[in-house]
């Protein structure tokens, strides 16, 4: 299973950055390979924001939609995403947000496995590059929105 981590310092405050990550339906506007996004449910329970959403990811003739369970924990400043349907055998990613004097430091860890073994091997080879491109996209989006 591919696993990777990214650490970035993004020049905006923590609340703005968390809101950017939770604004899932805007992902097709700036996240590479994200073709569509739809939020089915969004609820607040105590210190948690709970979201069920679909993302359609693809490039060229390849595209697939997967459903995710997204949990934002206000006390821990974390967003945890797990898949609950689609072409993935396994997906777990965790965002950690920490205040920094120059903005917000994020740590993004991801671990996944695609059902299609051929695609899983292809993705493993280019995974860190793709993850860096996604982190770049969030960094650029924050710069545009919060300069």
Protein backbone atom coordinates (compact mmCIF):
# COMPACT_ATOMS: atom_id res chain seq x y z
CA UNK A 1 0.00 0.00 0.00
CA UNK A 2 1.34 3.44 -0.85
CA UNK A 3 2.03 5.62 2.17
CA UNK A 4 3.36 9.14 2.13
CA UNK A 5 3.60 12.29 4.22
CA UNK A 6 3.86 15.95 3.42
CA UNK A 7 4.77 18.80 5.73
CA UNK A 8 4.18 22.41 4.66
CA UNK A 9 4.11 25.88 6.10
CA UNK A 10 1.19 27.79 4.62
CA UNK A 11 0.85 31.53 5.09
CA UNK A 12 -2.67 31.83 6.47
CA UNK A 13 -4.22 31.26 9.86
CA UNK A 14 -5.22 27.81 11.04
CA UNK A 15 -8.99 28.43 10.94
CA UNK A 16 -8.81 29.65 7.32
CA UNK A 17 -6.78 26.63 6.27
CA UNK A 18 -9.11 24.16 8.01
CA UNK A 19 -12.10 25.80 6.30
CA UNK A 20 -10.29 25.50 2.95
CA UNK A 21 -9.70 21.76 3.46
CA UNK A 22 -13.30 21.20 4.60
CA UNK A 23 -14.73 23.05 1.57
CA UNK A 24 -14.72 19.80 -0.39
CA UNK A 25 -17.12 20.89 -3.13
CA UNK A 26 -14.55 23.48 -4.30
CA UNK A 27 -11.80 20.86 -4.85
CA UNK A 28 -12.44 20.53 -8.62
CA UNK A 29 -11.49 24.22 -8.95
CA UNK A 30 -7.92 23.69 -7.74
CA UNK A 31 -7.00 20.11 -6.77
CA UNK A 32 -5.16 18.22 -9.54
CA UNK A 33 -7.06 15.23 -10.94
CA UNK A 34 -10.23 16.08 -8.95
CA UNK A 35 -13.01 16.17 -11.54
CA UNK A 36 -16.06 16.44 -9.26
CA UNK A 37 -16.99 16.64 -5.58
CA UNK A 38 -20.30 16.31 -3.79
CA UNK A 39 -21.11 16.58 -0.07
CA UNK A 40 -24.00 14.29 0.93
CA UNK A 41 -24.09 15.13 4.64
CA UNK A 42 -22.48 17.68 6.95
CA UNK A 43 -23.26 17.63 10.68
CA UNK A 44 -21.80 19.03 13.86
CA UNK A 45 -21.68 16.86 16.96
CA UNK A 46 -19.93 18.53 19.88
CA UNK A 47 -16.32 19.16 18.86
CA UNK A 48 -16.67 17.17 15.63
CA UNK A 49 -17.76 18.15 12.14
CA UNK A 50 -18.85 15.01 10.27
CA UNK A 51 -19.01 14.97 6.47
CA UNK A 52 -19.91 12.27 3.95
CA UNK A 53 -18.65 13.22 0.49
CA UNK A 54 -17.90 11.82 -2.96
CA UNK A 55 -14.80 12.75 -4.95
CA UNK A 56 -14.35 11.85 -8.59
CA UNK A 57 -10.66 11.53 -9.40
CA UNK A 58 -9.19 10.88 -12.82
CA UNK A 59 -6.98 11.69 -15.73
CA UNK A 60 -7.55 10.88 -19.36
CA UNK A 61 -9.70 7.77 -19.77
CA UNK A 62 -9.32 6.77 -16.11
CA UNK A 63 -11.75 8.13 -13.56
CA UNK A 64 -13.47 6.81 -10.47
CA UNK A 65 -15.65 8.11 -7.68
CA UNK A 66 -15.10 7.20 -4.08
CA UNK A 67 -17.12 8.03 -0.99
CA UNK A 68 -15.35 9.31 2.12
CA UNK A 69 -16.13 9.75 5.78
CA UNK A 70 -14.51 13.02 6.90
CA UNK A 71 -14.16 13.92 10.57
CA UNK A 72 -12.83 17.27 11.76
CA UNK A 73 -11.88 17.31 15.44
CA UNK A 74 -11.80 20.91 16.68
CA UNK A 75 -9.94 20.08 19.91
CA UNK A 76 -7.15 18.18 18.15
CA UNK A 77 -7.06 20.36 14.99
CA UNK A 78 -7.16 17.24 12.85
CA UNK A 79 -9.15 16.04 9.86
CA UNK A 80 -9.33 12.28 9.38
CA UNK A 81 -10.61 10.83 6.10
CA UNK A 82 -11.49 7.17 5.49
CA UNK A 83 -13.10 5.63 2.44
CA UNK A 84 -16.52 4.02 2.72
CA UNK A 85 -17.11 3.13 -0.91
CA UNK A 86 -15.58 3.10 -4.36
CA UNK A 87 -12.50 1.65 -6.05
CA UNK A 88 -10.26 1.75 -2.99
CA UNK A 89 -9.65 -1.23 -0.75
CA UNK A 90 -8.30 1.15 1.85
CA UNK A 91 -7.87 4.90 2.32
CA UNK A 92 -6.89 6.81 5.38
CA UNK A 93 -5.51 10.29 5.47
CA UNK A 94 -4.97 12.60 8.38
CA UNK A 95 -4.38 16.35 8.34
CA UNK A 96 -2.74 17.97 11.39
CA UNK A 97 -2.84 21.78 11.68
CA UNK A 98 -0.45 23.66 14.00
CA UNK A 99 -0.13 27.39 14.59
CA UNK A 100 3.19 28.83 13.44
CA UNK A 101 4.52 32.40 13.62
CA UNK A 102 4.46 32.57 9.80
CA UNK A 103 1.05 30.93 9.32
CA UNK A 104 -0.02 27.31 9.75
CA UNK A 105 2.09 24.20 9.61
CA UNK A 106 0.31 21.21 8.13
CA UNK A 107 1.21 17.55 8.28
CA UNK A 108 -0.64 15.36 5.82
CA UNK A 109 -0.31 11.58 6.03
CA UNK A 110 -1.99 9.25 3.54
CA UNK A 111 -2.18 5.50 3.17
CA UNK A 112 -4.27 3.77 0.50
CA UNK A 113 -4.71 0.71 -1.68
CA UNK A 114 -6.58 0.58 -5.00
CA UNK A 115 -8.63 -2.52 -5.84
CA UNK A 116 -7.14 -2.68 -9.35
CA UNK A 117 -3.64 -4.11 -8.75
CA UNK A 118 -2.23 -2.65 -11.97
CA UNK A 119 -3.38 0.87 -11.06
CA UNK A 120 -2.14 0.34 -7.50
CA UNK A 121 1.38 -0.39 -8.82
CA UNK A 122 1.24 2.61 -11.19
CA UNK A 123 0.04 4.90 -8.39
CA UNK A 124 2.72 3.65 -5.99
CA UNK A 125 5.47 4.70 -8.41
CA UNK A 126 4.20 8.29 -8.80
CA UNK A 127 2.53 8.72 -5.45
CA UNK A 128 4.87 11.14 -3.65
CA UNK A 129 4.98 13.36 -6.75
CA UNK A 130 1.17 13.44 -6.88
CA UNK A 131 0.89 14.15 -3.17
CA UNK A 132 3.34 17.05 -3.49
CA UNK A 133 1.24 18.45 -6.37
CA UNK A 134 -1.89 18.28 -4.20
CA UNK A 135 -0.10 20.01 -1.29
CA UNK A 136 1.11 22.68 -3.77
CA UNK A 137 -2.50 23.18 -4.90
CA UNK A 138 -3.73 23.82 -1.33
CA UNK A 139 -0.80 26.16 -0.71
CA UNK A 140 -1.53 28.15 -3.90
CA UNK A 141 -5.28 28.25 -3.16
CA UNK A 142 -4.64 29.61 0.35
CA UNK A 143 -2.35 32.28 -1.10
CA UNK A 144 -5.06 33.37 -3.57
CA UNK A 145 -7.86 33.41 -0.99
CA UNK A 146 -6.03 34.81 2.05
CA UNK A 147 -3.25 37.10 0.80
